[in-house]
Amino acid sequence: AVVSTQSGHYGRGEWIKQQLSEKNREKEAARHAESLYQKKMMELDARAVQLAKEEEECRRNLNLATKNYNAALDAERKAKEAIDKQKELDDNFTELSNQVFGDTLTENPGVAQSSFGAHRVITDRWKGMSAEQRAEIQKIREQQQAEKQRKLEEERELQKEY
């Protein structure tokens, strides 16, 4: 009976050691699990921080690209406006030159000539007679007056004869 008591006592001591050993293994496993959990959480936090940094860098790059694109569009718009303005100035200058040096202001008599004949004029474009035309009309008048005077003299001569 002593052996059984000792073996029972020895069995209980062994059982306690086994229980303590199992409890220590469970604590160690829990500590290991907690350590793995903490490492995983730190890894996930580091990954989240890295993703946040990458996202911020991406956002910065996108904003920079948008800014550069808008600046290029603005420069293109300003260049187009400058070209359009220069074209308008050139057109205005050309129109002004055409008006100043054109037939209307230089009073070119050819503008008033009708296509129906050289003796006809377009009245809304006629600027009046040139000095040569006035001189020719005066010459014709004088010829007509001389002719009339001659005819009158002939008639007087005829009258005297009757």
Protein backbone atom coordinates (compact mmCIF):
# COMPACT_ATOMS: atom_id res chain seq x y z
CA ALA A 1 0.00 0.00 0.00
CA VAL A 2 2.94 2.22 0.55
CA VAL A 3 4.03 1.77 -3.01
CA SER A 4 0.64 2.74 -4.31
CA THR A 5 0.61 5.77 -2.05
CA GLN A 6 3.99 6.75 -3.27
CA SER A 7 3.06 5.99 -6.83
CA GLY A 8 -0.17 7.91 -6.27
CA HIS A 9 1.79 10.68 -4.72
CA TYR A 10 4.32 10.39 -7.42
CA GLY A 11 1.44 10.31 -9.92
CA ARG A 12 -0.06 13.42 -8.47
CA GLY A 13 3.24 15.25 -8.55
CA GLU A 14 3.77 14.12 -12.08
CA TRP A 15 0.27 15.26 -12.94
CA ILE A 16 0.90 18.70 -11.35
CA LYS A 17 4.17 18.99 -13.22
CA GLN A 18 2.38 18.01 -16.37
CA GLN A 19 -0.37 20.56 -15.66
CA LEU A 20 2.19 23.28 -14.92
CA SER A 21 4.16 22.33 -18.00
CA GLU A 22 0.99 22.41 -20.11
CA LYS A 23 0.00 25.72 -18.57
CA ASN A 24 3.48 27.10 -19.31
CA ARG A 25 3.22 25.83 -22.91
CA GLU A 26 -0.17 27.48 -23.24
CA LYS A 27 1.22 30.75 -21.81
CA GLU A 28 4.20 30.46 -24.16
CA ALA A 29 1.87 29.75 -27.08
CA ALA A 30 -0.32 32.71 -26.07
CA ARG A 31 2.77 34.93 -25.79
CA HIS A 32 3.98 33.66 -29.15
CA ALA A 33 0.51 34.27 -30.65
CA GLU A 34 0.42 37.75 -29.11
CA SER A 35 3.93 38.42 -30.44
CA LEU A 36 2.88 37.25 -33.93
CA TYR A 37 -0.29 39.34 -33.67
CA GLN A 38 1.74 42.42 -32.64
CA LYS A 39 4.22 41.82 -35.48
CA LYS A 40 1.36 41.42 -37.95
CA MET A 41 -0.32 44.59 -36.66
CA MET A 42 2.98 46.49 -36.92
CA GLU A 43 3.42 45.12 -40.45
CA LEU A 44 -0.14 46.16 -41.37
CA ASP A 45 0.40 49.60 -39.80
CA ALA A 46 3.67 50.01 -41.70
CA ARG A 47 1.92 48.94 -44.90
CA ALA A 48 -0.92 51.40 -44.23
CA VAL A 49 1.62 54.18 -43.62
CA GLN A 50 3.47 53.19 -46.82
CA LEU A 51 0.20 53.16 -48.80
CA ALA A 52 -0.74 56.56 -47.36
CA LYS A 53 2.67 57.94 -48.38
CA GLU A 54 2.33 56.47 -51.88
CA GLU A 55 -1.22 57.80 -52.17
CA GLU A 56 -0.06 61.28 -51.08
CA GLU A 57 2.83 61.16 -53.56
CA CYS A 58 0.43 60.03 -56.28
CA ARG A 59 -1.95 62.88 -55.38
CA ARG A 60 0.95 65.36 -55.44
CA ASN A 61 2.10 64.06 -58.83
CA LEU A 62 -1.45 64.23 -60.16
CA ASN A 63 -1.84 67.81 -58.90
CA LEU A 64 1.50 68.74 -60.46
CA ALA A 65 0.53 67.13 -63.76
CA THR A 66 -2.83 68.95 -63.69
CA LYS A 67 -1.08 72.23 -62.90
CA ASN A 68 1.39 71.71 -65.77
CA TYR A 69 -1.41 70.76 -68.15
CA ASN A 70 -3.45 73.83 -67.19
CA ALA A 71 -0.36 76.03 -67.60
CA ALA A 72 0.22 74.55 -71.07
CA LEU A 73 -3.43 75.12 -71.99
CA ASP A 74 -3.20 78.71 -70.73
CA ALA A 75 -0.01 79.33 -72.71
CA GLU A 76 -1.62 77.84 -75.81
CA ARG A 77 -4.74 80.00 -75.32
CA LYS A 78 -2.61 83.14 -74.85
CA ALA A 79 -0.58 82.31 -77.96
CA LYS A 80 -3.77 81.79 -79.97
CA GLU A 81 -5.20 85.07 -78.65
CA ALA A 82 -1.97 86.86 -79.60
CA ILE A 83 -2.09 85.35 -83.10
CA ASP A 84 -5.77 86.27 -83.46
CA LYS A 85 -5.08 89.81 -82.23
CA GLN A 86 -2.15 90.19 -84.64
CA LYS A 87 -4.30 88.85 -87.49
CA GLU A 88 -7.05 91.33 -86.63
CA LEU A 89 -4.52 94.18 -86.52
CA ASP A 90 -3.11 93.08 -89.88
CA ASP A 91 -6.61 92.85 -91.37
CA ASN A 92 -7.50 96.30 -90.01
CA PHE A 93 -4.26 97.75 -91.38
CA THR A 94 -4.89 96.14 -94.78
CA GLU A 95 -8.44 97.47 -94.86
CA LEU A 96 -7.26 100.94 -93.87
CA SER A 97 -4.53 100.85 -96.53
CA ASN A 98 -7.05 99.74 -99.13
CA GLN A 99 -9.34 102.61 -98.15
CA VAL A 100 -6.58 105.21 -98.18
CA PHE A 101 -4.89 104.06 -101.38
CA GLY A 102 -8.01 102.70 -103.09
CA ASP A 103 -9.89 104.24 -105.99
CA THR A 104 -12.53 105.86 -103.82
CA LEU A 105 -10.33 108.23 -101.83
CA THR A 106 -7.79 108.81 -104.59
CA GLU A 107 -10.70 109.88 -106.79
CA ASN A 108 -9.81 107.64 -109.70
CA PRO A 109 -12.17 108.69 -112.49
CA GLY A 110 -12.07 105.18 -113.95
CA VAL A 111 -14.24 103.97 -111.09
CA ALA A 112 -17.14 106.07 -112.31
CA GLN A 113 -16.97 104.76 -115.92
CA SER A 114 -20.04 102.73 -116.85
CA SER A 115 -19.75 99.41 -118.61
CA PHE A 116 -22.47 100.67 -121.01
CA GLY A 117 -20.08 103.10 -122.66
CA ALA A 118 -17.22 105.52 -122.07
CA HIS A 119 -19.60 108.51 -122.40
CA ARG A 120 -21.72 107.26 -119.46
CA VAL A 121 -20.83 107.50 -115.77
CA ILE A 122 -22.02 105.85 -112.56
CA THR A 123 -23.36 108.87 -110.72
CA ASP A 124 -22.81 107.64 -107.14
CA ARG A 125 -19.11 107.11 -107.92
CA TRP A 126 -18.49 110.15 -110.12
CA LYS A 127 -16.10 112.64 -108.56
CA GLY A 128 -16.49 115.35 -111.19
CA MET A 129 -14.63 116.26 -114.32
CA SER A 130 -10.90 116.45 -114.63
CA ALA A 131 -9.16 119.60 -115.78
CA GLU A 132 -8.66 118.06 -119.24
CA GLN A 133 -12.35 117.22 -119.52
CA ARG A 134 -13.32 120.77 -118.49
CA ALA A 135 -10.86 122.22 -121.00
CA GLU A 136 -12.26 120.02 -123.76
CA ILE A 137 -15.81 121.06 -122.93
CA GLN A 138 -14.75 124.72 -122.98
CA LYS A 139 -13.07 124.15 -126.36
CA ILE A 140 -16.25 122.51 -127.74
CA ARG A 141 -18.38 125.39 -126.40
CA GLU A 142 -16.12 127.89 -128.04
CA GLN A 143 -16.32 125.92 -131.30
CA GLN A 144 -20.10 125.80 -130.99
CA GLN A 145 -20.25 129.55 -130.30
CA ALA A 146 -17.98 130.24 -133.26
CA GLU A 147 -20.13 127.98 -135.43
CA LYS A 148 -23.27 129.75 -134.24
CA GLN A 149 -21.70 133.12 -134.85
CA ARG A 150 -20.69 132.02 -138.35
CA LYS A 151 -24.24 130.80 -139.08
CA LEU A 152 -25.68 134.09 -137.81
CA GLU A 153 -23.31 136.01 -140.06
CA GLU A 154 -24.36 133.86 -143.02
CA GLU A 155 -28.02 134.46 -142.26
CA ARG A 156 -27.42 138.23 -142.02
CA GLU A 157 -25.64 138.14 -145.36
CA LEU A 158 -28.58 136.25 -146.85
CA GLN A 159 -30.98 138.75 -145.33
CA LYS A 160 -29.07 141.63 -146.78
CA GLU A 161 -29.23 140.08 -150.19
CA TYR A 162 -33.02 139.88 -150.13
